[in-house]
PDB file of N, CA and C in Angstrom:
ATOM      1  N   THR A   1     121.610 115.492  99.180  1.00  0.00           N
ATOM      2  CA  THR A   1     121.089 114.517  98.205  1.00  0.00           C
ATOM      3  C   THR A   1     120.052 115.189  97.328  1.00  0.00           C
ATOM      4  N   GLU A   2     120.209 114.941  96.084  1.00  0.00           N
ATOM      5  CA  GLU A   2     119.241 115.513  95.107  1.00  0.00           C
ATOM      6  C   GLU A   2     118.043 114.557  94.963  1.00  0.00           C
ATOM      7  N   PHE A   3     116.837 115.152  94.837  1.00  0.00           N
ATOM      8  CA  PHE A   3     115.677 114.377  94.505  1.00  0.00           C
ATOM      9  C   PHE A   3     114.756 115.293  93.695  1.00  0.00           C
ATOM     10  N   ALA A   4     113.717 114.661  93.080  1.00  0.00           N
ATOM     11  CA  ALA A   4     112.779 115.447  92.244  1.00  0.00           C
ATOM     12  C   ALA A   4     112.077 116.540  92.992  1.00  0.00           C
ATOM     13  N   PRO A   5     111.874 117.706  92.411  1.00  0.00           N
ATOM     14  CA  PRO A   5     111.106 118.797  93.059  1.00  0.00           C
ATOM     15  C   PRO A   5     109.672 118.327  93.372  1.00  0.00           C
ATOM     16  N   GLY A   6     109.200 118.716  94.546  1.00  0.00           N
ATOM     17  CA  GLY A   6     107.835 118.373  94.926  1.00  0.00           C
ATOM     18  C   GLY A   6     107.746 117.017  95.632  1.00  0.00           C
ATOM     19  N   LYS A   7     108.920 116.344  95.802  1.00  0.00           N
ATOM     20  CA  LYS A   7     108.922 115.032  96.454  1.00  0.00           C
ATOM     21  C   LYS A   7     109.331 115.091  97.918  1.00  0.00           C
ATOM     22  N   GLY A   8     109.396 116.271  98.488  1.00  0.00           N
ATOM     23  CA  GLY A   8     109.757 116.379  99.902  1.00  0.00           C
ATOM     24  C   GLY A   8     108.537 116.240 100.789  1.00  0.00           C
ATOM     25  N   ASN A   9     108.667 116.631 102.052  1.00  0.00           N
ATOM     26  CA  ASN A   9     107.585 116.581 103.004  1.00  0.00           C
ATOM     27  C   ASN A   9     106.426 117.484 102.564  1.00  0.00           C
ATOM     28  N   ALA A  10     105.187 116.964 102.647  1.00  0.00           N
ATOM     29  CA  ALA A  10     103.952 117.713 102.305  1.00  0.00           C
ATOM     30  C   ALA A  10     104.067 118.210 100.914  1.00  0.00           C
ATOM     31  N   GLY A  11     104.688 117.529  99.999  1.00  0.00           N
ATOM     32  CA  GLY A  11     104.713 117.887  98.595  1.00  0.00           C
ATOM     33  C   GLY A  11     105.673 119.065  98.293  1.00  0.00           C
ATOM     34  N   GLY A  12     106.447 119.453  99.277  1.00  0.00           N
ATOM     35  CA  GLY A  12     107.360 120.565  99.082  1.00  0.00           C
ATOM     36  C   GLY A  12     108.739 120.096  98.528  1.00  0.00           C
ATOM     37  N   ASN A  13     109.707 120.992  98.613  1.00  0.00           N
ATOM     38  CA  ASN A  13     111.016 120.670  98.067  1.00  0.00           C
ATOM     39  C   ASN A  13     112.046 120.345  99.168  1.00  0.00           C
ATOM     40  N   THR A  14     111.610 120.386 100.462  1.00  0.00           N
ATOM     41  CA  THR A  14     112.492 120.074 101.540  1.00  0.00           C
ATOM     42  C   THR A  14     112.103 118.742 102.178  1.00  0.00           C
ATOM     43  N   LEU A  15     113.127 117.947 102.341  1.00  0.00           N
ATOM     44  CA  LEU A  15     112.914 116.598 103.005  1.00  0.00           C
ATOM     45  C   LEU A  15     113.499 116.650 104.402  1.00  0.00           C
ATOM     46  N   TYR A  16     112.591 116.677 105.420  1.00  0.00           N
ATOM     47  CA  TYR A  16     113.020 116.771 106.816  1.00  0.00           C
ATOM     48  C   TYR A  16     113.428 115.386 107.300  1.00  0.00           C
ATOM     49  N   ARG A  17     114.413 115.322 108.166  1.00  0.00           N
ATOM     50  CA  ARG A  17     114.920 114.110 108.752  1.00  0.00           C
ATOM     51  C   ARG A  17     113.974 113.706 109.913  1.00  0.00           C
ATOM     52  N   LEU A  18     113.810 112.425 110.095  1.00  0.00           N
ATOM     53  CA  LEU A  18     113.128 111.909 111.283  1.00  0.00           C
ATOM     54  C   LEU A  18     114.193 111.678 112.336  1.00  0.00           C
ATOM     55  N   ARG A  19     114.047 112.247 113.496  1.00  0.00           N
ATOM     56  CA  ARG A  19     115.027 112.125 114.523  1.00  0.00           C
ATOM     57  C   ARG A  19     114.507 111.863 115.905  1.00  0.00           C
ATOM     58  N   GLU A  20     115.375 111.578 116.792  1.00  0.00           N
ATOM     59  CA  GLU A  20     115.019 111.244 118.183  1.00  0.00           C
ATOM     60  C   GLU A  20     114.205 112.369 118.787  1.00  0.00           C
ATOM     61  N   GLY A  21     113.106 111.992 119.434  1.00  0.00           N
ATOM     62  CA  GLY A  21     112.229 112.978 120.100  1.00  0.00           C
ATOM     63  C   GLY A  21     110.991 113.323 119.365  1.00  0.00           C
ATOM     64  N   VAL A  22     110.868 112.991 118.086  1.00  0.00           N
ATOM     65  CA  VAL A  22     109.703 113.334 117.330  1.00  0.00           C
ATOM     66  C   VAL A  22     108.455 112.658 117.825  1.00  0.00           C
ATOM     67  N   GLU A  23     108.637 111.535 118.515  1.00  0.00           N
ATOM     68  CA  GLU A  23     107.462 110.798 118.958  1.00  0.00           C
ATOM     69  C   GLU A  23     106.706 111.547 120.071  1.00  0.00           C
ATOM     70  N   ARG A  24     107.371 112.560 120.642  1.00  0.00           N
ATOM     71  CA  ARG A  24     106.658 113.367 121.723  1.00  0.00           C
ATOM     72  C   ARG A  24     105.440 114.118 121.195  1.00  0.00           C
ATOM     73  N   PHE A  25     105.411 114.320 119.882  1.00  0.00           N
ATOM     74  CA  PHE A  25     104.295 115.016 119.281  1.00  0.00           C
ATOM     75  C   PHE A  25     103.072 114.042 119.033  1.00  0.00           C
ATOM     76  N   LEU A  26     103.334 112.765 119.292  1.00  0.00           N
ATOM     77  CA  LEU A  26     102.272 111.747 119.071  1.00  0.00           C
ATOM     78  C   LEU A  26     101.701 111.222 120.362  1.00  0.00           C
ATOM     79  N   ILE A  27     102.199 111.704 121.512  1.00  0.00           N
ATOM     80  CA  ILE A  27     101.677 111.188 122.807  1.00  0.00           C
ATOM     81  C   ILE A  27     100.749 112.262 123.401  1.00  0.00           C
ATOM     82  N   THR A  28      99.885 111.795 124.285  1.00  0.00           N
ATOM     83  CA  THR A  28      98.845 112.724 124.868  1.00  0.00           C
ATOM     84  C   THR A  28      99.311 113.280 126.219  1.00  0.00           C
ATOM     85  N   ASP A  29     100.113 112.476 126.966  1.00  0.00           N
ATOM     86  CA  ASP A  29     100.501 112.975 128.341  1.00  0.00           C
ATOM     87  C   ASP A  29     102.001 112.967 128.367  1.00  0.00           C
ATOM     88  N   ILE A  30     102.608 114.145 128.252  1.00  0.00           N
ATOM     89  CA  ILE A  30     104.045 114.293 128.197  1.00  0.00           C
ATOM     90  C   ILE A  30     104.718 114.031 129.569  1.00  0.00           C
ATOM     91  N   ASN A  31     103.937 113.981 130.598  1.00  0.00           N
ATOM     92  CA  ASN A  31     104.499 113.771 131.908  1.00  0.00           C
ATOM     93  C   ASN A  31     104.761 112.301 132.287  1.00  0.00           C
ATOM     94  N   GLN A  32     104.417 111.394 131.356  1.00  0.00           N
ATOM     95  CA  GLN A  32     104.668 109.976 131.612  1.00  0.00           C
ATOM     96  C   GLN A  32     105.766 109.476 130.641  1.00  0.00           C
ATOM     97  N   PRO A  33     106.992 109.325 131.193  1.00  0.00           N
ATOM     98  CA  PRO A  33     108.115 108.934 130.298  1.00  0.00           C
ATOM     99  C   PRO A  33     107.926 107.538 129.661  1.00  0.00           C
ATOM    100  N   ALA A  34     107.144 106.668 130.322  1.00  0.00           N
ATOM    101  CA  ALA A  34     106.915 105.328 129.714  1.00  0.00           C
ATOM    102  C   ALA A  34     106.085 105.437 128.415  1.00  0.00           C
ATOM    103  N   GLN A  35     105.226 106.439 128.387  1.00  0.00           N
ATOM    104  CA  GLN A  35     104.385 106.618 127.178  1.00  0.00           C
ATOM    105  C   GLN A  35     105.259 107.019 125.986  1.00  0.00           C
ATOM    106  N   SER A  36     106.304 107.804 126.232  1.00  0.00           N
ATOM    107  CA  SER A  36     107.221 108.192 125.145  1.00  0.00           C
ATOM    108  C   SER A  36     107.985 106.978 124.619  1.00  0.00           C
ATOM    109  N   ALA A  37     108.445 106.084 125.484  1.00  0.00           N
ATOM    110  CA  ALA A  37     109.140 104.881 125.037  1.00  0.00           C
ATOM    111  C   ALA A  37     108.218 103.984 124.285  1.00  0.00           C
ATOM    112  N   ARG A  38     106.989 103.833 124.722  1.00  0.00           N
ATOM    113  CA  ARG A  38     106.003 103.065 124.013  1.00  0.00           C
ATOM    114  C   ARG A  38     105.716 103.625 122.611  1.00  0.00           C
ATOM    115  N   ALA A  39     105.646 104.961 122.533  1.00  0.00           N
ATOM    116  CA  ALA A  39     105.397 105.644 121.257  1.00  0.00           C
ATOM    117  C   ALA A  39     106.480 105.292 120.229  1.00  0.00           C
ATOM    118  N   GLN A  40     107.734 105.252 120.732  1.00  0.00           N
ATOM    119  CA  GLN A  40     108.822 104.914 119.755  1.00  0.00           C
ATOM    120  C   GLN A  40     108.673 103.543 119.181  1.00  0.00           C
ATOM    121  N   SER A  41     108.134 102.600 119.963  1.00  0.00           N
ATOM    122  CA  SER A  41     108.015 101.286 119.462  1.00  0.00           C
ATOM    123  C   SER A  41     106.746 101.074 118.586  1.00  0.00           C
ATOM    124  N   GLU A  42     105.936 102.130 118.442  1.00  0.00           N
ATOM    125  CA  GLU A  42     104.745 102.049 117.644  1.00  0.00           C
ATOM    126  C   GLU A  42     104.740 102.950 116.404  1.00  0.00           C
ATOM    127  N   VAL A  43     105.790 103.774 116.265  1.00  0.00           N
ATOM    128  CA  VAL A  43     105.838 104.683 115.113  1.00  0.00           C
ATOM    129  C   VAL A  43     106.612 104.017 113.949  1.00  0.00           C
ATOM    130  N   PRO A  44     105.911 103.669 112.838  1.00  0.00           N
ATOM    131  CA  PRO A  44     106.595 102.994 111.737  1.00  0.00           C
ATOM    132  C   PRO A  44     107.435 104.034 110.971  1.00  0.00           C
ATOM    133  N   VAL A  45     108.627 103.658 110.600  1.00  0.00           N
ATOM    134  CA  VAL A  45     109.528 104.555 109.872  1.00  0.00           C
ATOM    135  C   VAL A  45     109.632 104.235 108.408  1.00  0.00           C
ATOM    136  N   ILE A  46     109.796 102.934 108.126  1.00  0.00           N
ATOM    137  CA  ILE A  46     109.893 102.439 106.728  1.00  0.00           C
ATOM    138  C   ILE A  46     109.322 101.057 106.675  1.00  0.00           C
ATOM    139  N   TRP A  47     108.752 100.669 105.524  1.00  0.00           N
ATOM    140  CA  TRP A  47     108.176  99.326 105.383  1.00  0.00           C
ATOM    141  C   TRP A  47     108.243  98.892 103.937  1.00  0.00           C
ATOM    142  N   ASP A  48     107.985  97.596 103.790  1.00  0.00           N
ATOM    143  CA  ASP A  48     107.972  96.985 102.413  1.00  0.00           C
ATOM    144  C   ASP A  48     106.714  97.321 101.653  1.00  0.00           C
ATOM    145  N   LEU A  49     106.748  97.113 100.404  1.00  0.00           N
ATOM    146  CA  LEU A  49     105.565  97.288  99.595  1.00  0.00           C
ATOM    147  C   LEU A  49     104.536  96.155  99.821  1.00  0.00           C
ATOM    148  N   ILE A  50     103.298  96.493  99.622  1.00  0.00           N
ATOM    149  CA  ILE A  50     102.229  95.493  99.791  1.00  0.00           C
ATOM    150  C   ILE A  50     101.174  95.809  98.776  1.00  0.00           C
ATOM    151  N   ALA A  51     100.457  94.831  98.290  1.00  0.00           N
ATOM    152  CA  ALA A  51      99.394  95.043  97.344  1.00  0.00           C
ATOM    153  C   ALA A  51      98.235  94.113  97.666  1.00  0.00           C
ATOM    154  N   ALA A  52      97.049  94.535  97.230  1.00  0.00           N
ATOM    155  CA  ALA A  52      95.808  93.752  97.474  1.00  0.00           C
ATOM    156  C   ALA A  52      95.821  92.485  96.609  1.00  0.00           C
ATOM    157  N   ASN A  53      96.533  92.470  95.499  1.00  0.00           N
ATOM    158  CA  ASN A  53      96.577  91.363  94.548  1.00  0.00           C
ATOM    159  C   ASN A  53      97.964  90.721  94.631  1.00  0.00           C
ATOM    160  N   PRO A  54      98.102  89.532  95.220  1.00  0.00           N
ATOM    161  CA  PRO A  54      99.420  88.928  95.379  1.00  0.00           C
ATOM    162  C   PRO A  54     100.050  88.524  94.026  1.00  0.00           C
ATOM    163  N   SER A  55      99.250  88.483  92.975  1.00  0.00           N
ATOM    164  CA  SER A  55      99.853  88.140  91.663  1.00  0.00           C
ATOM    165  C   SER A  55     100.683  89.244  91.054  1.00  0.00           C
ATOM    166  N   SER A  56     100.538  90.461  91.598  1.00  0.00           N
ATOM    167  CA  SER A  56     101.388  91.537  91.111  1.00  0.00           C
ATOM    168  C   SER A  56     102.710  91.515  91.804  1.00  0.00           C
ATOM    169  N   ALA A  57     103.635  90.697  91.345  1.00  0.00           N
ATOM    170  CA  ALA A  57     104.894  90.375  92.055  1.00  0.00           C
ATOM    171  C   ALA A  57     105.734  91.643  92.227  1.00  0.00           C
ATOM    172  N   ASN A  58     105.615  92.623  91.355  1.00  0.00           N
ATOM    173  CA  ASN A  58     106.423  93.792  91.469  1.00  0.00           C
ATOM    174  C   ASN A  58     105.967  94.706  92.613  1.00  0.00           C
ATOM    175  N   GLN A  59     104.817  94.424  93.248  1.00  0.00           N
ATOM    176  CA  GLN A  59     104.321  95.255  94.295  1.00  0.00           C
ATOM    177  C   GLN A  59     104.163  94.428  95.629  1.00  0.00           C
ATOM    178  N   PHE A  60     104.538  93.198  95.626  1.00  0.00           N
ATOM    179  CA  PHE A  60     104.309  92.355  96.815  1.00  0.00           C
ATOM    180  C   PHE A  60     105.633  91.656  97.151  1.00  0.00           C
ATOM    181  N   ASN A  61     106.277  92.098  98.205  1.00  0.00           N
ATOM    182  CA  ASN A  61     107.602  91.536  98.540  1.00  0.00           C
ATOM    183  C   ASN A  61     107.565  90.175  99.181  1.00  0.00           C
ATOM    184  N   HIS A  62     106.537  89.909  99.955  1.00  0.00           N
ATOM    185  CA  HIS A  62     106.497  88.681 100.745  1.00  0.00           C
ATOM    186  C   HIS A  62     105.218  87.895 100.463  1.00  0.00           C
ATOM    187  N   VAL A  63     105.210  87.077  99.474  1.00  0.00           N
ATOM    188  CA  VAL A  63     104.095  86.244  99.162  1.00  0.00           C
ATOM    189  C   VAL A  63     104.133  85.075 100.139  1.00  0.00           C
ATOM    190  N   PRO A  64     103.071  84.646 100.760  1.00  0.00           N
ATOM    191  CA  PRO A  64     101.707  84.912 100.519  1.00  0.00           C
ATOM    192  C   PRO A  64     101.133  86.151 101.081  1.00  0.00           C
ATOM    193  N   GLY A  65     101.846  86.893 101.878  1.00  0.00           N
ATOM    194  CA  GLY A  65     101.298  88.178 102.279  1.00  0.00           C
ATOM    195  C   GLY A  65     101.820  88.648 103.591  1.00  0.00           C
ATOM    196  N   GLY A  66     102.363  89.843 103.554  1.00  0.00           N
ATOM    197  CA  GLY A  66     102.844  90.472 104.755  1.00  0.00           C
ATOM    198  C   GLY A  66     103.958  91.482 104.436  1.00  0.00           C
ATOM    199  N   MET A  67     104.435  92.123 105.438  1.00  0.00           N
ATOM    200  CA  MET A  67     105.467  93.129 105.221  1.00  0.00           C
ATOM    201  C   MET A  67     106.345  93.288 106.436  1.00  0.00           C
ATOM    202  N   ASN A  68     107.612  93.636 106.205  1.00  0.00           N
ATOM    203  CA  ASN A  68     108.490  93.998 107.282  1.00  0.00           C
ATOM    204  C   ASN A  68     108.335  95.488 107.595  1.00  0.00           C
ATOM    205  N   ILE A  69     108.284  95.819 108.867  1.00  0.00           N
ATOM    206  CA  ILE A  69     108.092  97.177 109.274  1.00  0.00           C
ATOM    207  C   ILE A  69     109.192  97.545 110.265  1.00  0.00           C
ATOM    208  N   LEU A  70     109.952  98.608 109.966  1.00  0.00           N
ATOM    209  CA  LEU A  70     110.978  99.126 110.819  1.00  0.00           C
ATOM    210  C   LEU A  70     110.347 100.245 111.692  1.00  0.00           C
ATOM    211  N   TYR A  71     110.397 100.087 113.024  1.00  0.00           N
ATOM    212  CA  TYR A  71     109.878 101.067 113.935  1.00  0.00           C
ATOM    213  C   TYR A  71     110.939 101.994 114.464  1.00  0.00           C
ATOM    214  N   MET A  72     110.529 103.163 114.997  1.00  0.00           N
ATOM    215  CA  MET A  72     111.435 104.228 115.397  1.00  0.00           C
ATOM    216  C   MET A  72     112.455 103.728 116.481  1.00  0.00           C
ATOM    217  N   ASP A  73     112.050 102.813 117.305  1.00  0.00           N
ATOM    218  CA  ASP A  73     112.990 102.351 118.325  1.00  0.00           C
ATOM    219  C   ASP A  73     114.060 101.347 117.814  1.00  0.00           C
ATOM    220  N   GLY A  74     113.936 101.004 116.534  1.00  0.00           N
ATOM    221  CA  GLY A  74     114.959 100.172 115.879  1.00  0.00           C
ATOM    222  C   GLY A  74     114.562  98.702 115.664  1.00  0.00           C
ATOM    223  N   HIS A  75     113.440  98.283 116.197  1.00  0.00           N
ATOM    224  CA  HIS A  75     113.018  96.853 115.991  1.00  0.00           C
ATOM    225  C   HIS A  75     112.228  96.742 114.720  1.00  0.00           C
ATOM    226  N   VAL A  76     112.324  95.548 114.159  1.00  0.00           N
ATOM    227  CA  VAL A  76     111.619  95.249 112.916  1.00  0.00           C
ATOM    228  C   VAL A  76     110.630  94.100 113.185  1.00  0.00           C
ATOM    229  N   ALA A  77     109.424  94.261 112.674  1.00  0.00           N
ATOM    230  CA  ALA A  77     108.424  93.197 112.894  1.00  0.00           C
ATOM    231  C   ALA A  77     107.826  92.798 111.513  1.00  0.00           C
ATOM    232  N   PHE A  78     107.594  91.509 111.345  1.00  0.00           N
ATOM    233  CA  PHE A  78     106.884  91.012 110.143  1.00  0.00           C
ATOM    234  C   PHE A  78     105.447  90.960 110.481  1.00  0.00           C
ATOM    235  N   VAL A  79     104.595  91.686 109.729  1.00  0.00           N
ATOM    236  CA  VAL A  79     103.149  91.722 109.977  1.00  0.00           C
ATOM    237  C   VAL A  79     102.473  91.080 108.787  1.00  0.00           C
ATOM    238  N   ARG A  80     101.667  90.052 109.068  1.00  0.00           N
ATOM    239  CA  ARG A  80     100.933  89.392 107.974  1.00  0.00           C
ATOM    240  C   ARG A  80      99.796  90.247 107.517  1.00  0.00           C
ATOM    241  N   TYR A  81      99.591  90.246 106.167  1.00  0.00           N
ATOM    242  CA  TYR A  81      98.451  90.972 105.560  1.00  0.00           C
ATOM    243  C   TYR A  81      97.196  90.070 105.565  1.00  0.00           C
ATOM    244  N   VAL A  82      96.193  90.518 106.304  1.00  0.00           N
ATOM    245  CA  VAL A  82      94.937  89.802 106.391  1.00  0.00           C
ATOM    246  C   VAL A  82      93.858  90.793 106.047  1.00  0.00           C
ATOM    247  N   GLN A  83      93.064  90.529 105.003  1.00  0.00           N
ATOM    248  CA  GLN A  83      92.006  91.440 104.665  1.00  0.00           C
ATOM    249  C   GLN A  83      91.032  91.627 105.829  1.00  0.00           C
ATOM    250  N   GLY A  84      90.694  92.875 106.146  1.00  0.00           N
ATOM    251  CA  GLY A  84      89.808  93.156 107.238  1.00  0.00           C
ATOM    252  C   GLY A  84      90.527  93.407 108.599  1.00  0.00           C
ATOM    253  N   TYR A  85      91.826  93.040 108.652  1.00  0.00           N
ATOM    254  CA  TYR A  85      92.615  93.203 109.881  1.00  0.00           C
ATOM    255  C   TYR A  85      93.644  94.280 109.572  1.00  0.00           C
ATOM    256  N   SER A  86      93.744  95.297 110.390  1.00  0.00           N
ATOM    257  CA  SER A  86      94.579  96.425 110.073  1.00  0.00           C
ATOM    258  C   SER A  86      95.647  96.702 111.147  1.00  0.00           C
ATOM    259  N   VAL A  87      96.881  96.700 110.763  1.00  0.00           N
ATOM    260  CA  VAL A  87      98.028  97.211 111.573  1.00  0.00           C
ATOM    261  C   VAL A  87      98.767  98.150 110.700  1.00  0.00           C
ATOM    262  N   TYR A  88      98.654  99.439 110.906  1.00  0.00           N
ATOM    263  CA  TYR A  88      99.292 100.428 110.068  1.00  0.00           C
ATOM    264  C   TYR A  88     100.768 100.148 110.026  1.00  0.00           C
ATOM    265  N   PRO A  89     101.331 100.177 108.806  1.00  0.00           N
ATOM    266  CA  PRO A  89     100.815 100.419 107.498  1.00  0.00           C
ATOM    267  C   PRO A  89     100.342  99.222 106.732  1.00  0.00           C
ATOM    268  N   CYS A  90     100.243  98.085 107.373  1.00  0.00           N
ATOM    269  CA  CYS A  90      99.806  96.848 106.714  1.00  0.00           C
ATOM    270  C   CYS A  90      98.242  96.795 106.790  1.00  0.00           C
ATOM    271  N   SER A  91      97.595  97.499 105.937  1.00  0.00           N
ATOM    272  CA  SER A  91      96.143  97.601 105.976  1.00  0.00           C
ATOM    273  C   SER A  91      95.537  97.445 104.568  1.00  0.00           C
ATOM    274  N   ASP A  92      94.241  97.226 104.527  1.00  0.00           N
ATOM    275  CA  ASP A  92      93.567  97.210 103.227  1.00  0.00           C
ATOM    276  C   ASP A  92      93.710  98.540 102.447  1.00  0.00           C
ATOM    277  N   THR A  93      93.671  99.593 103.131  1.00  0.00           N
ATOM    278  CA  THR A  93      93.791 100.929 102.525  1.00  0.00           C
ATOM    279  C   THR A  93      95.121 101.052 101.822  1.00  0.00           C
ATOM    280  N   MET A  94      96.192 100.745 102.513  1.00  0.00           N
ATOM    281  CA  MET A  94      97.556 100.802 101.933  1.00  0.00           C
ATOM    282  C   MET A  94      97.669  99.845 100.746  1.00  0.00           C
ATOM    283  N   ALA A  95      97.183  98.617 100.898  1.00  0.00           N
ATOM    284  CA  ALA A  95      97.310  97.610  99.854  1.00  0.00           C
ATOM    285  C   ALA A  95      96.564  98.037  98.611  1.00  0.00           C
ATOM    286  N   THR A  96      95.379  98.628  98.765  1.00  0.00           N
ATOM    287  CA  THR A  96      94.604  99.101  97.649  1.00  0.00           C
ATOM    288  C   THR A  96      95.225 100.256  96.992  1.00  0.00           C
ATOM    289  N   LYS A  97      95.718 101.234  97.737  1.00  0.00           N
ATOM    290  CA  LYS A  97      96.290 102.428  97.177  1.00  0.00           C
ATOM    291  C   LYS A  97      97.593 102.117  96.379  1.00  0.00           C
ATOM    292  N   LEU A  98      98.427 101.160  96.922  1.00  0.00           N
ATOM    293  CA  LEU A  98      99.621 100.812  96.248  1.00  0.00           C
ATOM    294  C   LEU A  98      99.428  99.938  95.011  1.00  0.00           C
ATOM    295  N   SER A  99      98.237  99.338  94.922  1.00  0.00           N
ATOM    296  CA  SER A  99      97.935  98.479  93.749  1.00  0.00           C
ATOM    297  C   SER A  99      97.557  99.272  92.536  1.00  0.00           C
ATOM    298  N   ASP A 100      97.141 100.522  92.724  1.00  0.00           N
ATOM    299  CA  ASP A 100      96.766 101.386  91.612  1.00  0.00           C
ATOM    300  C   ASP A 100      97.814 101.641  90.615  1.00  0.00           C
TER     301      ASP A 100
END
């Protein structure tokens, strides 16, 4: 698949795939298999757009506020956007950055 130069991982030209087992780099104790399964259910893979200003309809998919998040284990959760309450990637920081 072709894409613009510099739009790969870390600003490079290569786009690495996300695959089974990558969550092991995010856990602290590799000797506990339950921690690996929990990590899969907490790693967001893709999500909807969100903005701090709900009037910007082109940046806010679910008015009055929230986003669908697909996690690595395959489940999808709808997370409501509440200022001051943060569930990555549904946070004030993401909403502000995407509003620019």
